[in-house]
């Protein structure tokens, strides 16, 4: 049943109406009841019941793709408003979602869409090779555009926040992640953290990727030395080489960014918390933590920047100590020096 409307006819009437008003940009014909009538017709079209869900997805997909012709006209604002106001009603296929995200990145109209639109489009299941490839293309295009807008902090952060749900979903569904892809993801998140002064950026997608690297899935992750005090049998696995590479990347990013990053406490706190959570919740040993801290330098390092990084290492050490508070050797029942308060023998 399709209510009292016929889908093809109603779709035709809607776009004939839009064609008419788009022809007269200098005459305010589209006002008052005309606006209400168009929105009601669109709502009626999208809310029609279909016995076959695929038919509804096809109808809704055709609708949003037909709208794209108006995004470069004086009727752009009204066309975008039809998507913004009906995003909850849109039932789109995964193919249309990922393709529309890719399309929006090629236009100048994406700032006019609500964040809820991007959140809906990002809810895509990457089930086949074509969709995975398209998602990777979206990521590459997004990364390039973010780089171009890096000098304009407002536009850069607006773009990142709109596509943040996509990045989270992409990280969650990725498999056999290369170190190169992890590095590119980290670059996007580190730059976003640098630009965002008043809102902390969640680093959780990076943690997701480090649990699904090619090396870890192939069980080639390096096993780092000491196992005496670990709970590796109980703790989830993470690619420790990837963690070290990421921490080294943050060290280099910190030194390169200078004062602009040094004053951004929100970002530094987010990254520090990520590494603290890793050593607490994954299969880390005391020696693993010591090796991580070597990346950040020691107390003999000079300069304010290096001092902050050394303090970061102390926080990581403290987080590990708190989650492994006993630290008793099974052989001689003595407290291992790594678990003593404050500094360790390495400092």
Protein backbone atom coordinates (compact mmCIF):
# COMPACT_ATOMS: atom_id res chain seq x y z
CA UNK A 1 0.00 0.00 0.00
CA UNK A 2 1.27 3.47 -0.88
CA UNK A 3 -1.27 5.52 1.07
CA UNK A 4 -3.25 7.93 -1.08
CA UNK A 5 -0.28 8.89 -3.22
CA UNK A 6 1.30 7.43 -6.29
CA UNK A 7 5.10 7.55 -5.89
CA UNK A 8 6.14 8.28 -9.49
CA UNK A 9 3.52 11.02 -9.89
CA UNK A 10 4.29 12.64 -6.55
CA UNK A 11 8.03 12.55 -7.25
CA UNK A 12 7.38 14.18 -10.63
CA UNK A 13 5.20 16.90 -9.08
CA UNK A 14 7.82 17.69 -6.44
CA UNK A 15 10.63 18.20 -8.92
CA UNK A 16 8.45 20.10 -11.38
CA UNK A 17 7.67 22.48 -8.53
CA UNK A 18 11.34 22.83 -7.66
CA UNK A 19 12.28 23.37 -11.31
CA UNK A 20 9.76 26.21 -11.51
CA UNK A 21 10.97 28.09 -8.43
CA UNK A 22 14.64 27.56 -9.28
CA UNK A 23 14.11 29.49 -12.53
CA UNK A 24 13.21 32.72 -10.75
CA UNK A 25 16.00 33.47 -8.25
CA UNK A 26 15.30 37.19 -8.16
CA UNK A 27 11.58 36.90 -7.48
CA UNK A 28 10.53 35.59 -4.10
CA UNK A 29 7.87 33.22 -5.35
CA UNK A 30 8.84 30.44 -2.96
CA UNK A 31 7.37 31.77 0.28
CA UNK A 32 4.64 31.07 2.81
CA UNK A 33 2.23 28.28 1.86
CA UNK A 34 4.39 27.31 -1.14
CA UNK A 35 7.20 26.29 1.23
CA UNK A 36 4.84 24.38 3.49
CA UNK A 37 3.25 22.59 0.55
CA UNK A 38 6.58 21.41 -0.89
CA UNK A 39 7.79 20.13 2.46
CA UNK A 40 4.53 18.30 3.07
CA UNK A 41 4.70 16.62 -0.34
CA UNK A 42 8.29 15.51 0.28
CA UNK A 43 7.35 14.18 3.70
CA UNK A 44 4.42 12.29 2.21
CA UNK A 45 6.68 10.79 -0.46
CA UNK A 46 9.27 9.58 2.03
CA UNK A 47 6.75 8.21 4.52
CA UNK A 48 4.93 6.01 2.06
CA UNK A 49 4.81 2.35 3.04
CA UNK A 50 6.35 -0.22 0.75
CA UNK A 51 5.95 -3.97 0.97
CA UNK A 52 9.49 -4.39 -0.30
CA UNK A 53 12.14 -2.45 1.70
CA UNK A 54 14.39 -2.41 -1.36
CA UNK A 55 11.74 -0.40 -3.21
CA UNK A 56 11.70 2.21 -0.46
CA UNK A 57 15.49 2.44 -0.49
CA UNK A 58 15.43 2.87 -4.25
CA UNK A 59 12.81 5.62 -3.98
CA UNK A 60 14.71 7.50 -1.27
CA UNK A 61 18.00 7.08 -3.11
CA UNK A 62 16.50 8.46 -6.33
CA UNK A 63 15.13 11.41 -4.36
CA UNK A 64 18.45 12.56 -2.85
CA UNK A 65 20.35 12.05 -6.11
CA UNK A 66 17.79 14.13 -8.00
CA UNK A 67 18.34 16.96 -5.50
CA UNK A 68 21.99 17.38 -6.47
CA UNK A 69 21.08 19.39 -9.60
CA UNK A 70 19.80 22.19 -7.33
CA UNK A 71 22.90 22.45 -5.16
CA UNK A 72 24.55 24.74 -7.69
CA UNK A 73 21.50 26.97 -8.18
CA UNK A 74 19.91 29.78 -6.21
CA UNK A 75 17.52 27.13 -4.87
CA UNK A 76 20.39 25.44 -3.02
CA UNK A 77 19.32 26.48 0.47
CA UNK A 78 15.80 25.11 -0.02
CA UNK A 79 17.05 21.85 -1.56
CA UNK A 80 19.46 21.24 1.32
CA UNK A 81 16.66 22.02 3.79
CA UNK A 82 14.62 19.15 2.35
CA UNK A 83 17.39 16.72 3.31
CA UNK A 84 18.06 18.30 6.71
CA UNK A 85 14.41 18.21 7.73
CA UNK A 86 13.77 14.66 6.51
CA UNK A 87 17.00 12.89 7.39
CA UNK A 88 15.26 10.65 9.96
CA UNK A 89 12.83 9.41 7.33
CA UNK A 90 15.43 8.59 4.70
CA UNK A 91 15.98 4.87 4.22
CA UNK A 92 19.10 4.60 2.09
CA UNK A 93 21.12 1.65 0.89
CA UNK A 94 24.73 1.32 2.01
CA UNK A 95 25.79 1.97 -1.57
CA UNK A 96 23.89 5.26 -1.72
CA UNK A 97 25.20 6.35 1.70
CA UNK A 98 28.88 5.89 0.92
CA UNK A 99 28.53 7.28 -2.61
CA UNK A 100 26.69 10.35 -1.35
CA UNK A 101 29.39 11.02 1.23
CA UNK A 102 31.94 10.81 -1.55
CA UNK A 103 29.86 13.16 -3.70
CA UNK A 104 29.45 15.77 -0.94
CA UNK A 105 33.23 15.95 -0.51
CA UNK A 106 33.43 17.06 -4.15
CA UNK A 107 31.05 19.99 -3.62
CA UNK A 108 31.05 23.28 -1.77
CA UNK A 109 27.62 22.69 -0.23
CA UNK A 110 28.56 20.19 2.50
CA UNK A 111 28.76 22.95 5.21
CA UNK A 112 25.02 23.58 4.78
CA UNK A 113 24.02 20.05 5.74
CA UNK A 114 23.35 19.29 9.39
CA UNK A 115 25.76 17.06 11.28
CA UNK A 116 22.87 14.60 11.65
CA UNK A 117 22.92 14.09 7.86
CA UNK A 118 26.56 12.99 7.96
CA UNK A 119 25.89 10.80 10.95
CA UNK A 120 23.11 9.03 9.04
CA UNK A 121 25.21 8.65 5.88
CA UNK A 122 28.08 7.24 7.96
CA UNK A 123 25.97 4.34 9.23
CA UNK A 124 27.11 2.08 6.45
CA UNK A 125 28.07 -1.59 6.57
CA UNK A 126 31.26 -2.15 4.57
CA UNK A 127 30.43 -5.69 3.52
CA UNK A 128 31.97 -6.01 0.07
CA UNK A 129 35.15 -5.00 -1.72
CA UNK A 130 33.47 -2.18 -3.68
CA UNK A 131 32.11 -0.51 -0.54
CA UNK A 132 35.43 -0.90 1.28
CA UNK A 133 37.25 0.67 -1.66
CA UNK A 134 34.76 3.54 -1.81
CA UNK A 135 35.16 4.11 1.94
CA UNK A 136 38.92 4.28 1.48
CA UNK A 137 38.42 6.79 -1.35
CA UNK A 138 36.24 8.92 0.95
CA UNK A 139 38.97 8.83 3.60
CA UNK A 140 41.69 9.84 1.12
CA UNK A 141 39.57 12.65 -0.29
CA UNK A 142 38.69 13.85 3.22
CA UNK A 143 42.36 13.81 4.26
CA UNK A 144 43.32 15.90 1.22
CA UNK A 145 40.55 18.43 1.83
CA UNK A 146 41.41 18.75 5.52
CA UNK A 147 45.02 19.50 4.55
CA UNK A 148 43.88 22.23 2.14
CA UNK A 149 41.74 23.83 4.85
CA UNK A 150 44.35 23.61 7.58
CA UNK A 151 45.00 27.35 7.55
CA UNK A 152 41.30 28.06 8.11
CA UNK A 153 40.70 26.61 11.56
CA UNK A 154 36.91 27.11 11.50
CA UNK A 155 36.36 25.37 8.15
CA UNK A 156 38.86 22.65 8.99
CA UNK A 157 37.14 21.72 12.25
CA UNK A 158 33.67 22.00 10.71
CA UNK A 159 34.69 19.47 8.06
CA UNK A 160 36.33 17.12 10.57
CA UNK A 161 33.35 17.07 12.94
CA UNK A 162 30.91 16.39 10.11
CA UNK A 163 32.93 13.38 8.98
CA UNK A 164 33.96 12.20 12.45
CA UNK A 165 31.15 9.57 12.54
CA UNK A 166 32.42 8.20 9.22
CA UNK A 167 35.99 7.97 10.54
CA UNK A 168 34.80 6.15 13.66
CA UNK A 169 32.75 3.69 11.62
CA UNK A 170 35.56 3.16 9.12
CA UNK A 171 38.03 2.40 11.93
CA UNK A 172 35.57 0.04 13.59
CA UNK A 173 34.99 -1.99 10.43
CA UNK A 174 38.55 -1.97 9.09
CA UNK A 175 40.47 -5.24 9.00
CA UNK A 176 44.14 -6.07 8.41
CA UNK A 177 45.18 -2.44 8.82
CA UNK A 178 48.59 -1.48 7.45
CA UNK A 179 50.99 0.71 9.41
CA UNK A 180 50.70 3.21 6.56
CA UNK A 181 46.92 3.47 7.03
CA UNK A 182 47.37 3.80 10.79
CA UNK A 183 49.84 6.62 10.22
CA UNK A 184 47.45 8.43 7.89
CA UNK A 185 44.62 8.10 10.40
CA UNK A 186 46.86 9.38 13.17
CA UNK A 187 47.85 12.36 11.03
CA UNK A 188 44.18 13.29 10.57
CA UNK A 189 43.44 12.98 14.29
CA UNK A 190 46.60 14.74 15.45
CA UNK A 191 45.92 17.68 13.13
CA UNK A 192 42.29 17.82 14.28
CA UNK A 193 43.46 17.81 17.89
CA UNK A 194 45.87 20.65 17.14
CA UNK A 195 43.11 22.72 15.55
CA UNK A 196 40.52 22.02 18.26
CA UNK A 197 41.27 24.23 21.25
CA UNK A 198 38.01 23.92 23.16
CA UNK A 199 36.78 20.43 22.35
CA UNK A 200 38.69 17.26 23.07
CA UNK A 201 39.00 14.87 20.13
CA UNK A 202 38.46 11.20 20.98
CA UNK A 203 41.42 9.01 19.98
CA UNK A 204 39.40 5.80 20.26
CA UNK A 205 39.49 5.09 16.47
CA UNK A 206 43.29 4.88 16.67
CA UNK A 207 43.03 2.29 19.46
CA UNK A 208 40.60 0.29 17.30
CA UNK A 209 43.03 0.27 14.39
CA UNK A 210 45.97 -0.85 16.54
CA UNK A 211 43.97 -3.92 17.54
CA UNK A 212 43.42 -4.93 13.90
CA UNK A 213 46.76 -4.47 12.15
CA UNK A 214 48.00 -6.86 9.49
CA UNK A 215 50.87 -7.91 11.76
CA UNK A 216 48.61 -8.66 14.70
CA UNK A 217 46.13 -10.62 12.63
CA UNK A 218 48.96 -12.64 11.13
CA UNK A 219 50.24 -13.23 14.67
CA UNK A 220 53.53 -11.57 13.81
CA UNK A 221 53.35 -8.89 16.47
CA UNK A 222 56.72 -8.70 18.28
CA UNK A 223 56.61 -10.19 21.77
CA UNK A 224 58.42 -7.75 23.99
CA UNK A 225 60.68 -9.40 26.54
CA UNK A 226 59.39 -9.74 30.08
CA UNK A 227 56.29 -11.82 30.82
CA UNK A 228 56.84 -12.44 34.52
CA UNK A 229 54.43 -9.80 35.76
CA UNK A 230 51.96 -9.72 32.89
CA UNK A 231 48.39 -10.90 32.57
CA UNK A 232 48.73 -11.53 28.86
CA UNK A 233 46.47 -14.58 28.93
CA UNK A 234 43.62 -12.42 30.22
CA UNK A 235 44.34 -9.07 28.57
CA UNK A 236 43.23 -8.20 25.02
CA UNK A 237 45.94 -7.99 22.39
CA UNK A 238 47.19 -4.85 20.73
CA UNK A 239 49.98 -4.36 18.19
CA UNK A 240 52.77 -3.09 20.44
CA UNK A 241 54.96 -2.13 17.51
CA UNK A 242 52.09 0.00 16.18
CA UNK A 243 51.71 1.63 19.62
CA UNK A 244 55.42 2.48 19.68
CA UNK A 245 55.30 3.84 16.13
CA UNK A 246 52.27 5.95 17.01
CA UNK A 247 53.93 7.32 20.14
CA UNK A 248 57.05 8.17 18.12
CA UNK A 249 54.78 9.90 15.60
CA UNK A 250 53.22 11.96 18.38
CA UNK A 251 56.68 12.85 19.71
CA UNK A 252 57.72 14.13 16.27
CA UNK A 253 54.39 15.94 15.82
CA UNK A 254 54.80 17.61 19.22
CA UNK A 255 58.35 18.82 18.48
CA UNK A 256 57.36 20.01 14.99
CA UNK A 257 54.22 21.86 16.11
CA UNK A 258 55.98 23.82 18.83
CA UNK A 259 54.10 26.36 20.90
CA UNK A 260 50.77 25.90 19.10
CA UNK A 261 50.55 22.35 20.44
CA UNK A 262 52.30 23.07 23.72
CA UNK A 263 49.39 25.31 24.77
CA UNK A 264 46.66 22.86 23.67
CA UNK A 265 46.13 20.97 26.92
CA UNK A 266 42.92 19.26 25.71
CA UNK A 267 44.67 17.50 22.85
CA UNK A 268 47.72 16.53 24.88
CA UNK A 269 45.43 15.15 27.60
CA UNK A 270 43.46 13.08 25.05
CA UNK A 271 46.62 11.49 23.61
CA UNK A 272 48.16 10.89 27.04
CA UNK A 273 44.92 9.26 28.23
CA UNK A 274 44.93 6.99 25.17
CA UNK A 275 48.40 5.63 25.96
CA UNK A 276 47.58 5.33 29.67
CA UNK A 277 44.49 3.26 28.78
CA UNK A 278 46.57 1.06 26.48
CA UNK A 279 49.16 0.09 29.10
CA UNK A 280 46.39 -0.49 31.64
CA UNK A 281 43.96 -2.53 29.55
CA UNK A 282 46.09 -4.45 27.05
CA UNK A 283 48.79 -7.12 27.30
CA UNK A 284 51.60 -4.83 28.52
CA UNK A 285 54.50 -5.79 30.74
CA UNK A 286 56.78 -3.63 32.87
CA UNK A 287 59.50 -3.82 30.22
CA UNK A 288 57.04 -2.85 27.49
CA UNK A 289 56.20 0.31 29.40
CA UNK A 290 59.88 1.10 29.92
CA UNK A 291 60.47 0.77 26.17
CA UNK A 292 57.55 3.10 25.49
CA UNK A 293 58.97 5.71 27.83
CA UNK A 294 62.30 5.64 26.04
CA UNK A 295 60.51 7.10 23.01
CA UNK A 296 59.58 10.17 25.07
CA UNK A 297 63.07 10.94 26.39
CA UNK A 298 64.40 11.05 29.92
CA UNK A 299 64.73 13.66 32.67
CA UNK A 300 68.03 14.84 31.19
CA UNK A 301 66.26 16.12 28.04
CA UNK A 302 66.45 19.87 27.59
CA UNK A 303 63.67 22.34 26.80
CA UNK A 304 60.09 22.84 27.89
CA UNK A 305 58.70 20.69 25.07
CA UNK A 306 60.84 17.69 25.98
CA UNK A 307 59.95 18.19 29.65
CA UNK A 308 56.23 17.89 28.89
CA UNK A 309 56.87 14.71 26.95
CA UNK A 310 58.90 13.27 29.80
CA UNK A 311 56.02 14.08 32.16
CA UNK A 312 53.74 12.23 29.75
CA UNK A 313 55.94 9.17 30.19
CA UNK A 314 55.63 9.47 33.97
CA UNK A 315 51.83 9.53 33.67
CA UNK A 316 51.91 6.43 31.47
CA UNK A 317 54.15 4.73 34.03
CA UNK A 318 51.84 5.72 36.88
CA UNK A 319 48.79 4.39 35.02
CA UNK A 320 50.52 1.05 34.53
CA UNK A 321 51.62 0.92 38.18
CA UNK A 322 48.08 1.56 39.39
CA UNK A 323 46.66 -1.30 37.34
CA UNK A 324 49.48 -3.68 38.35
CA UNK A 325 49.81 -2.56 41.94
CA UNK A 326 51.23 -5.76 43.49
CA UNK A 327 54.29 -6.22 41.31
CA UNK A 328 55.64 -9.13 43.33
CA UNK A 329 58.13 -11.57 41.87
CA UNK A 330 56.99 -15.16 42.09
CA UNK A 331 60.56 -16.27 42.74
CA UNK A 332 61.70 -14.08 45.61
CA UNK A 333 58.49 -12.27 46.66
CA UNK A 334 60.18 -8.88 46.42
CA UNK A 335 58.63 -5.79 44.92
CA UNK A 336 60.03 -5.18 41.48
CA UNK A 337 61.64 -1.69 41.16
CA UNK A 338 59.35 -0.79 38.23
CA UNK A 339 56.42 -0.62 40.66
CA UNK A 340 57.98 1.72 43.19
CA UNK A 341 56.58 5.21 43.55
CA UNK A 342 57.53 7.91 41.06
CA UNK A 343 60.74 7.17 39.16
CA UNK A 344 62.17 3.81 38.12
CA UNK A 345 65.73 2.65 37.66
CA UNK A 346 65.52 3.73 34.04
CA UNK A 347 65.03 7.44 34.90
